[in-house]
Amino acid sequence: LPCVSAATRAQFGAGDPAFVLYDGLAVEPERLG
């Protein structure tokens, strides 16, 4: 059960197969003036 944050992981109990797997940047931010 990968969870996108510790706040998301906190919904589960100690015995659940949940752990934190942070999302990464999906896109490179544009550099506009």
PDB file of all heavy atoms in Angstrom:
ATOM      1  N   LEU A   1       0.845  -1.194   0.000  1.00  0.00           N
ATOM      2  CA  LEU A   1       0.000   0.000   0.000  1.00  0.00           C
ATOM      3  C   LEU A   1       0.882   1.247   0.000  1.00  0.00           C
ATOM      4  O   LEU A   1       1.073   1.883   1.046  1.00  0.00           O
ATOM      5  CB  LEU A   1      -0.894   0.017   1.238  1.00  0.00           C
ATOM      6  CG  LEU A   1      -2.203  -0.759   1.223  1.00  0.00           C
ATOM      7  CD1 LEU A   1      -2.875  -0.665   2.593  1.00  0.00           C
ATOM      8  CD2 LEU A   1      -3.135  -0.236   0.148  1.00  0.00           C
ATOM      9  N   PRO A   2       1.477   1.608  -1.129  1.00  0.00           N
ATOM     10  CA  PRO A   2       2.243   2.851  -1.160  1.00  0.00           C
ATOM     11  C   PRO A   2       1.314   4.047  -0.962  1.00  0.00           C
ATOM     12  O   PRO A   2       0.278   4.155  -1.617  1.00  0.00           O
ATOM     13  CB  PRO A   2       2.872   2.850  -2.556  1.00  0.00           C
ATOM     14  CG  PRO A   2       2.013   1.934  -3.365  1.00  0.00           C
ATOM     15  CD  PRO A   2       1.467   0.914  -2.435  1.00  0.00           C
ATOM     16  N   CYS A   3       1.684   4.949  -0.065  1.00  0.00           N
ATOM     17  CA  CYS A   3       0.901   6.145   0.255  1.00  0.00           C
ATOM     18  C   CYS A   3       1.710   7.382  -0.136  1.00  0.00           C
ATOM     19  O   CYS A   3       2.910   7.438   0.117  1.00  0.00           O
ATOM     20  CB  CYS A   3       0.570   6.192   1.743  1.00  0.00           C
ATOM     21  SG  CYS A   3      -0.395   4.779   2.343  1.00  0.00           S
ATOM     22  N   VAL A   4       1.038   8.373  -0.705  1.00  0.00           N
ATOM     23  CA  VAL A   4       1.760   9.503  -1.278  1.00  0.00           C
ATOM     24  C   VAL A   4       2.296  10.476  -0.228  1.00  0.00           C
ATOM     25  O   VAL A   4       3.023  11.408  -0.579  1.00  0.00           O
ATOM     26  CB  VAL A   4       0.886  10.266  -2.293  1.00  0.00           C
ATOM     27  CG1 VAL A   4       0.591   9.390  -3.498  1.00  0.00           C
ATOM     28  CG2 VAL A   4      -0.401  10.764  -1.648  1.00  0.00           C
ATOM     29  N   SER A   5       1.953  10.276   1.041  1.00  0.00           N
ATOM     30  CA  SER A   5       2.484  11.138   2.105  1.00  0.00           C
ATOM     31  C   SER A   5       2.320  10.427   3.433  1.00  0.00           C
ATOM     32  O   SER A   5       1.560   9.452   3.553  1.00  0.00           O
ATOM     33  CB  SER A   5       1.744  12.480   2.138  1.00  0.00           C
ATOM     34  OG  SER A   5       0.366  12.286   2.448  1.00  0.00           O
ATOM     35  N   ALA A   6       3.009  10.929   4.442  1.00  0.00           N
ATOM     36  CA  ALA A   6       2.854  10.370   5.782  1.00  0.00           C
ATOM     37  C   ALA A   6       1.453  10.627   6.312  1.00  0.00           C
ATOM     38  O   ALA A   6       0.903   9.821   7.064  1.00  0.00           O
ATOM     39  CB  ALA A   6       3.897  10.970   6.710  1.00  0.00           C
ATOM     40  N   ALA A   7       0.857  11.763   5.919  1.00  0.00           N
ATOM     41  CA  ALA A   7      -0.518  12.047   6.323  1.00  0.00           C
ATOM     42  C   ALA A   7      -1.474  11.012   5.744  1.00  0.00           C
ATOM     43  O   ALA A   7      -2.449  10.631   6.401  1.00  0.00           O
ATOM     44  CB  ALA A   7      -0.915  13.453   5.863  1.00  0.00           C
ATOM     45  N   THR A   8      -1.205  10.547   4.557  1.00  0.00           N
ATOM     46  CA  THR A   8      -2.021   9.502   3.945  1.00  0.00           C
ATOM     47  C   THR A   8      -1.770   8.170   4.641  1.00  0.00           C
ATOM     48  O   THR A   8      -2.704   7.404   4.919  1.00  0.00           O
ATOM     49  CB  THR A   8      -1.698   9.396   2.450  1.00  0.00           C
ATOM     50  OG1 THR A   8      -1.791  10.696   1.856  1.00  0.00           O
ATOM     51  CG2 THR A   8      -2.664   8.476   1.742  1.00  0.00           C
ATOM     52  N   ARG A   9      -0.517   7.875   4.961  1.00  0.00           N
ATOM     53  CA  ARG A   9      -0.168   6.629   5.651  1.00  0.00           C
ATOM     54  C   ARG A   9      -0.804   6.558   7.042  1.00  0.00           C
ATOM     55  O   ARG A   9      -1.127   5.464   7.523  1.00  0.00           O
ATOM     56  CB  ARG A   9       1.362   6.536   5.787  1.00  0.00           C
ATOM     57  CG  ARG A   9       1.887   5.441   6.712  1.00  0.00           C
ATOM     58  CD  ARG A   9       1.542   4.068   6.198  1.00  0.00           C
ATOM     59  NE  ARG A   9       1.966   2.995   7.098  1.00  0.00           N
ATOM     60  CZ  ARG A   9       1.242   2.504   8.116  1.00  0.00           C
ATOM     61  NH1 ARG A   9       0.063   3.040   8.407  1.00  0.00           N
ATOM     62  NH2 ARG A   9       1.690   1.499   8.834  1.00  0.00           N
ATOM     63  N   ALA A  10      -1.034   7.701   7.674  1.00  0.00           N
ATOM     64  CA  ALA A  10      -1.542   7.728   9.039  1.00  0.00           C
ATOM     65  C   ALA A  10      -2.950   7.154   9.165  1.00  0.00           C
ATOM     66  O   ALA A  10      -3.403   6.874  10.280  1.00  0.00           O
ATOM     67  CB  ALA A  10      -1.521   9.165   9.565  1.00  0.00           C
ATOM     68  N   GLN A  11      -3.650   6.969   8.039  1.00  0.00           N
ATOM     69  CA  GLN A  11      -4.988   6.381   8.081  1.00  0.00           C
ATOM     70  C   GLN A  11      -4.958   4.893   8.413  1.00  0.00           C
ATOM     71  O   GLN A  11      -5.978   4.327   8.782  1.00  0.00           O
ATOM     72  CB  GLN A  11      -5.674   6.520   6.717  1.00  0.00           C
ATOM     73  CG  GLN A  11      -5.810   7.935   6.215  1.00  0.00           C
ATOM     74  CD  GLN A  11      -6.335   7.941   4.796  1.00  0.00           C
ATOM     75  OE1 GLN A  11      -7.474   8.313   4.558  1.00  0.00           O
ATOM     76  NE2 GLN A  11      -5.528   7.521   3.846  1.00  0.00           N
ATOM     77  N   PHE A  12      -3.792   4.263   8.278  1.00  0.00           N
ATOM     78  CA  PHE A  12      -3.686   2.815   8.393  1.00  0.00           C
ATOM     79  C   PHE A  12      -3.026   2.423   9.706  1.00  0.00           C
ATOM     80  O   PHE A  12      -2.335   3.220  10.347  1.00  0.00           O
ATOM     81  CB  PHE A  12      -2.903   2.261   7.199  1.00  0.00           C
ATOM     82  CG  PHE A  12      -3.582   2.512   5.882  1.00  0.00           C
ATOM     83  CD1 PHE A  12      -3.242   3.608   5.103  1.00  0.00           C
ATOM     84  CD2 PHE A  12      -4.583   1.664   5.436  1.00  0.00           C
ATOM     85  CE1 PHE A  12      -3.880   3.851   3.907  1.00  0.00           C
ATOM     86  CE2 PHE A  12      -5.226   1.900   4.244  1.00  0.00           C
ATOM     87  CZ  PHE A  12      -4.883   2.996   3.467  1.00  0.00           C
ATOM     88  N   GLY A  13      -3.231   1.170  10.083  1.00  0.00           N
ATOM     89  CA  GLY A  13      -2.660   0.664  11.314  1.00  0.00           C
ATOM     90  C   GLY A  13      -1.241   0.168  11.137  1.00  0.00           C
ATOM     91  O   GLY A  13      -0.738   0.024  10.013  1.00  0.00           O
ATOM     92  N   ALA A  14      -0.616  -0.130  12.261  1.00  0.00           N
ATOM     93  CA  ALA A  14       0.778  -0.572  12.237  1.00  0.00           C
ATOM     94  C   ALA A  14       0.945  -1.886  11.489  1.00  0.00           C
ATOM     95  O   ALA A  14       1.987  -2.142  10.883  1.00  0.00           O
ATOM     96  CB  ALA A  14       1.293  -0.708  13.669  1.00  0.00           C
ATOM     97  N   GLY A  15      -0.066  -2.736  11.498  1.00  0.00           N
ATOM     98  CA  GLY A  15       0.062  -4.023  10.831  1.00  0.00           C
ATOM     99  C   GLY A  15      -0.305  -4.022   9.365  1.00  0.00           C
ATOM    100  O   GLY A  15      -0.166  -5.048   8.686  1.00  0.00           O
ATOM    101  N   ASP A  16      -0.779  -2.891   8.841  1.00  0.00           N
ATOM    102  CA  ASP A  16      -1.160  -2.816   7.429  1.00  0.00           C
ATOM    103  C   ASP A  16       0.083  -2.678   6.549  1.00  0.00           C
ATOM    104  O   ASP A  16       1.102  -2.122   6.975  1.00  0.00           O
ATOM    105  CB  ASP A  16      -2.088  -1.624   7.194  1.00  0.00           C
ATOM    106  CG  ASP A  16      -3.426  -1.780   7.902  1.00  0.00           C
ATOM    107  OD1 ASP A  16      -3.833  -2.930   8.130  1.00  0.00           O
ATOM    108  OD2 ASP A  16      -4.054  -0.759   8.225  1.00  0.00           O
ATOM    109  N   PRO A  17       0.013  -3.173   5.301  1.00  0.00           N
ATOM    110  CA  PRO A  17       1.192  -3.107   4.408  1.00  0.00           C
ATOM    111  C   PRO A  17       1.371  -1.731   3.766  1.00  0.00           C
ATOM    112  O   PRO A  17       1.677  -1.618   2.585  1.00  0.00           O
ATOM    113  CB  PRO A  17       0.868  -4.173   3.361  1.00  0.00           C
ATOM    114  CG  PRO A  17      -0.615  -4.152   3.261  1.00  0.00           C
ATOM    115  CD  PRO A  17      -1.116  -3.875   4.660  1.00  0.00           C
ATOM    116  N   ALA A  18       1.186  -0.670   4.549  1.00  0.00           N
ATOM    117  CA  ALA A  18       1.241   0.696   4.036  1.00  0.00           C
ATOM    118  C   ALA A  18       2.586   1.334   4.352  1.00  0.00           C
ATOM    119  O   ALA A  18       3.165   1.105   5.415  1.00  0.00           O
ATOM    120  CB  ALA A  18       0.109   1.529   4.636  1.00  0.00           C
ATOM    121  N   PHE A  19       3.074   2.130   3.426  1.00  0.00           N
ATOM    122  CA  PHE A  19       4.333   2.846   3.618  1.00  0.00           C
ATOM    123  C   PHE A  19       4.290   4.099   2.747  1.00  0.00           C
ATOM    124  O   PHE A  19       3.445   4.235   1.851  1.00  0.00           O
ATOM    125  CB  PHE A  19       5.528   1.973   3.220  1.00  0.00           C
ATOM    126  CG  PHE A  19       5.550   1.576   1.770  1.00  0.00           C
ATOM    127  CD1 PHE A  19       6.332   2.267   0.855  1.00  0.00           C
ATOM    128  CD2 PHE A  19       4.768   0.518   1.305  1.00  0.00           C
ATOM    129  CE1 PHE A  19       6.341   1.915  -0.491  1.00  0.00           C
ATOM    130  CE2 PHE A  19       4.775   0.158  -0.024  1.00  0.00           C
ATOM    131  CZ  PHE A  19       5.562   0.855  -0.929  1.00  0.00           C
ATOM    132  N   VAL A  20       5.181   5.031   3.008  1.00  0.00           N
ATOM    133  CA  VAL A  20       5.201   6.299   2.282  1.00  0.00           C
ATOM    134  C   VAL A  20       6.041   6.160   1.019  1.00  0.00           C
ATOM    135  O   VAL A  20       7.198   5.727   1.063  1.00  0.00           O
ATOM    136  CB  VAL A  20       5.756   7.435   3.163  1.00  0.00           C
ATOM    137  CG1 VAL A  20       5.853   8.737   2.359  1.00  0.00           C
ATOM    138  CG2 VAL A  20       4.873   7.634   4.394  1.00  0.00           C
ATOM    139  N   LEU A  21       5.446   6.523  -0.110  1.00  0.00           N
ATOM    140  CA  LEU A  21       6.151   6.609  -1.391  1.00  0.00           C
ATOM    141  C   LEU A  21       5.743   7.941  -2.010  1.00  0.00           C
ATOM    142  O   LEU A  21       4.690   8.054  -2.627  1.00  0.00           O
ATOM    143  CB  LEU A  21       5.769   5.443  -2.307  1.00  0.00           C
ATOM    144  CG  LEU A  21       6.393   5.456  -3.706  1.00  0.00           C
ATOM    145  CD1 LEU A  21       7.913   5.421  -3.622  1.00  0.00           C
ATOM    146  CD2 LEU A  21       5.886   4.289  -4.536  1.00  0.00           C
ATOM    147  N   TYR A  22       6.575   8.949  -1.782  1.00  0.00           N
ATOM    148  CA  TYR A  22       6.224  10.292  -2.240  1.00  0.00           C
ATOM    149  C   TYR A  22       6.132  10.349  -3.762  1.00  0.00           C
ATOM    150  O   TYR A  22       6.932   9.738  -4.471  1.00  0.00           O
ATOM    151  CB  TYR A  22       7.259  11.307  -1.769  1.00  0.00           C
ATOM    152  CG  TYR A  22       7.184  11.649  -0.306  1.00  0.00           C
ATOM    153  CD1 TYR A  22       8.250  11.351   0.543  1.00  0.00           C
ATOM    154  CD2 TYR A  22       6.066  12.273   0.227  1.00  0.00           C
ATOM    155  CE1 TYR A  22       8.192  11.684   1.899  1.00  0.00           C
ATOM    156  CE2 TYR A  22       6.009  12.594   1.577  1.00  0.00           C
ATOM    157  CZ  TYR A  22       7.064  12.294   2.402  1.00  0.00           C
ATOM    158  OH  TYR A  22       7.004  12.605   3.735  1.00  0.00           O
ATOM    159  N   ASP A  23       5.150  11.106  -4.241  1.00  0.00           N
ATOM    160  CA  ASP A  23       5.090  11.384  -5.668  1.00  0.00           C
ATOM    161  C   ASP A  23       6.304  12.201  -6.086  1.00  0.00           C
ATOM    162  O   ASP A  23       6.890  12.938  -5.274  1.00  0.00           O
ATOM    163  CB  ASP A  23       3.820  12.165  -6.014  1.00  0.00           C
ATOM    164  CG  ASP A  23       2.635  11.260  -6.273  1.00  0.00           C
ATOM    165  OD1 ASP A  23       2.842  10.041  -6.426  1.00  0.00           O
ATOM    166  OD2 ASP A  23       1.499  11.765  -6.330  1.00  0.00           O
ATOM    167  N   GLY A  24       6.656  12.094  -7.360  1.00  0.00           N
ATOM    168  CA  GLY A  24       7.720  12.923  -7.918  1.00  0.00           C
ATOM    169  C   GLY A  24       7.141  13.917  -8.901  1.00  0.00           C
ATOM    170  O   GLY A  24       5.962  13.865  -9.258  1.00  0.00           O
ATOM    171  N   LEU A  25       7.964  14.822  -9.340  1.00  0.00           N
ATOM    172  CA  LEU A  25       7.527  15.820 -10.321  1.00  0.00           C
ATOM    173  C   LEU A  25       7.226  15.135 -11.651  1.00  0.00           C
ATOM    174  O   LEU A  25       8.107  14.536 -12.266  1.00  0.00           O
ATOM    175  CB  LEU A  25       8.614  16.872 -10.513  1.00  0.00           C
ATOM    176  CG  LEU A  25       8.703  17.928  -9.416  1.00  0.00           C
ATOM    177  CD1 LEU A  25      10.038  18.662  -9.510  1.00  0.00           C
ATOM    178  CD2 LEU A  25       7.546  18.899  -9.542  1.00  0.00           C
ATOM    179  N   ALA A  26       5.984  15.221 -12.075  1.00  0.00           N
ATOM    180  CA  ALA A  26       5.590  14.555 -13.311  1.00  0.00           C
ATOM    181  C   ALA A  26       6.031  15.335 -14.542  1.00  0.00           C
ATOM    182  O   ALA A  26       6.289  14.760 -15.596  1.00  0.00           O
ATOM    183  CB  ALA A  26       4.071  14.365 -13.341  1.00  0.00           C
ATOM    184  N   VAL A  27       6.101  16.649 -14.416  1.00  0.00           N
ATOM    185  CA  VAL A  27       6.459  17.496 -15.559  1.00  0.00           C
ATOM    186  C   VAL A  27       7.510  18.501 -15.121  1.00  0.00           C
ATOM    187  O   VAL A  27       7.586  18.886 -13.950  1.00  0.00           O
ATOM    188  CB  VAL A  27       5.236  18.247 -16.120  1.00  0.00           C
ATOM    189  CG1 VAL A  27       4.220  17.259 -16.676  1.00  0.00           C
ATOM    190  CG2 VAL A  27       4.586  19.117 -15.063  1.00  0.00           C
ATOM    191  N   GLU A  28       8.307  18.927 -16.059  1.00  0.00           N
ATOM    192  CA  GLU A  28       9.279  19.984 -15.806  1.00  0.00           C
ATOM    193  C   GLU A  28       8.550  21.321 -15.893  1.00  0.00           C
ATOM    194  O   GLU A  28       7.931  21.632 -16.912  1.00  0.00           O
ATOM    195  CB  GLU A  28      10.401  19.942 -16.839  1.00  0.00           C
ATOM    196  CG  GLU A  28      11.459  21.008 -16.669  1.00  0.00           C
ATOM    197  CD  GLU A  28      12.261  20.845 -15.375  1.00  0.00           C
ATOM    198  OE1 GLU A  28      12.331  19.709 -14.854  1.00  0.00           O
ATOM    199  OE2 GLU A  28      12.816  21.859 -14.896  1.00  0.00           O
ATOM    200  N   PRO A  29       8.553  22.123 -14.819  1.00  0.00           N
ATOM    201  CA  PRO A  29       7.827  23.397 -14.855  1.00  0.00           C
ATOM    202  C   PRO A  29       8.319  24.299 -15.978  1.00  0.00           C
ATOM    203  O   PRO A  29       9.513  24.358 -16.279  1.00  0.00           O
ATOM    204  CB  PRO A  29       8.145  24.010 -13.484  1.00  0.00           C
ATOM    205  CG  PRO A  29       8.506  22.855 -12.621  1.00  0.00           C
ATOM    206  CD  PRO A  29       9.191  21.873 -13.524  1.00  0.00           C
ATOM    207  N   GLU A  30       7.357  24.972 -16.591  1.00  0.00           N
ATOM    208  CA  GLU A  30       7.708  25.913 -17.656  1.00  0.00           C
ATOM    209  C   GLU A  30       8.440  27.117 -17.074  1.00  0.00           C
ATOM    210  O   GLU A  30       8.205  27.516 -15.936  1.00  0.00           O
ATOM    211  CB  GLU A  30       6.442  26.411 -18.361  1.00  0.00           C
ATOM    212  CG  GLU A  30       5.726  25.359 -19.172  1.00  0.00           C
ATOM    213  CD  GLU A  30       4.554  25.956 -19.916  1.00  0.00           C
ATOM    214  OE1 GLU A  30       3.470  26.015 -19.333  1.00  0.00           O
ATOM    215  OE2 GLU A  30       4.733  26.369 -21.077  1.00  0.00           O
ATOM    216  N   ARG A  31       9.295  27.665 -17.881  1.00  0.00           N
ATOM    217  CA  ARG A  31      10.002  28.881 -17.476  1.00  0.00           C
ATOM    218  C   ARG A  31       9.536  30.018 -18.382  1.00  0.00           C
ATOM    219  O   ARG A  31      10.072  30.239 -19.463  1.00  0.00           O
ATOM    220  CB  ARG A  31      11.512  28.672 -17.568  1.00  0.00           C
ATOM    221  CG  ARG A  31      12.027  27.588 -16.623  1.00  0.00           C
ATOM    222  CD  ARG A  31      13.538  27.539 -16.592  1.00  0.00           C
ATOM    223  NE  ARG A  31      14.028  26.521 -15.684  1.00  0.00           N
ATOM    224  CZ  ARG A  31      14.162  26.681 -14.368  1.00  0.00           C
ATOM    225  NH1 ARG A  31      13.832  27.836 -13.828  1.00  0.00           N
ATOM    226  NH2 ARG A  31      14.616  25.703 -13.604  1.00  0.00           N
ATOM    227  N   LEU A  32       8.513  30.714 -17.922  1.00  0.00           N
ATOM    228  CA  LEU A  32       7.941  31.826 -18.670  1.00  0.00           C
ATOM    229  C   LEU A  32       8.172  33.127 -17.918  1.00  0.00           C
ATOM    230  O   LEU A  32       8.203  33.147 -16.687  1.00  0.00           O
ATOM    231  CB  LEU A  32       6.440  31.625 -18.864  1.00  0.00           C
ATOM    232  CG  LEU A  32       5.993  30.390 -19.648  1.00  0.00           C
ATOM    233  CD1 LEU A  32       4.477  30.269 -19.590  1.00  0.00           C
ATOM    234  CD2 LEU A  32       6.449  30.484 -21.090  1.00  0.00           C
ATOM    235  N   GLY A  33       8.306  34.204 -18.658  1.00  0.00           N
ATOM    236  CA  GLY A  33       8.385  35.508 -18.020  1.00  0.00           C
ATOM    237  C   GLY A  33       7.020  35.938 -17.521  1.00  0.00           C
ATOM    238  O   GLY A  33       5.994  35.599 -18.112  1.00  0.00           O
TER     239      GLY A  33
END
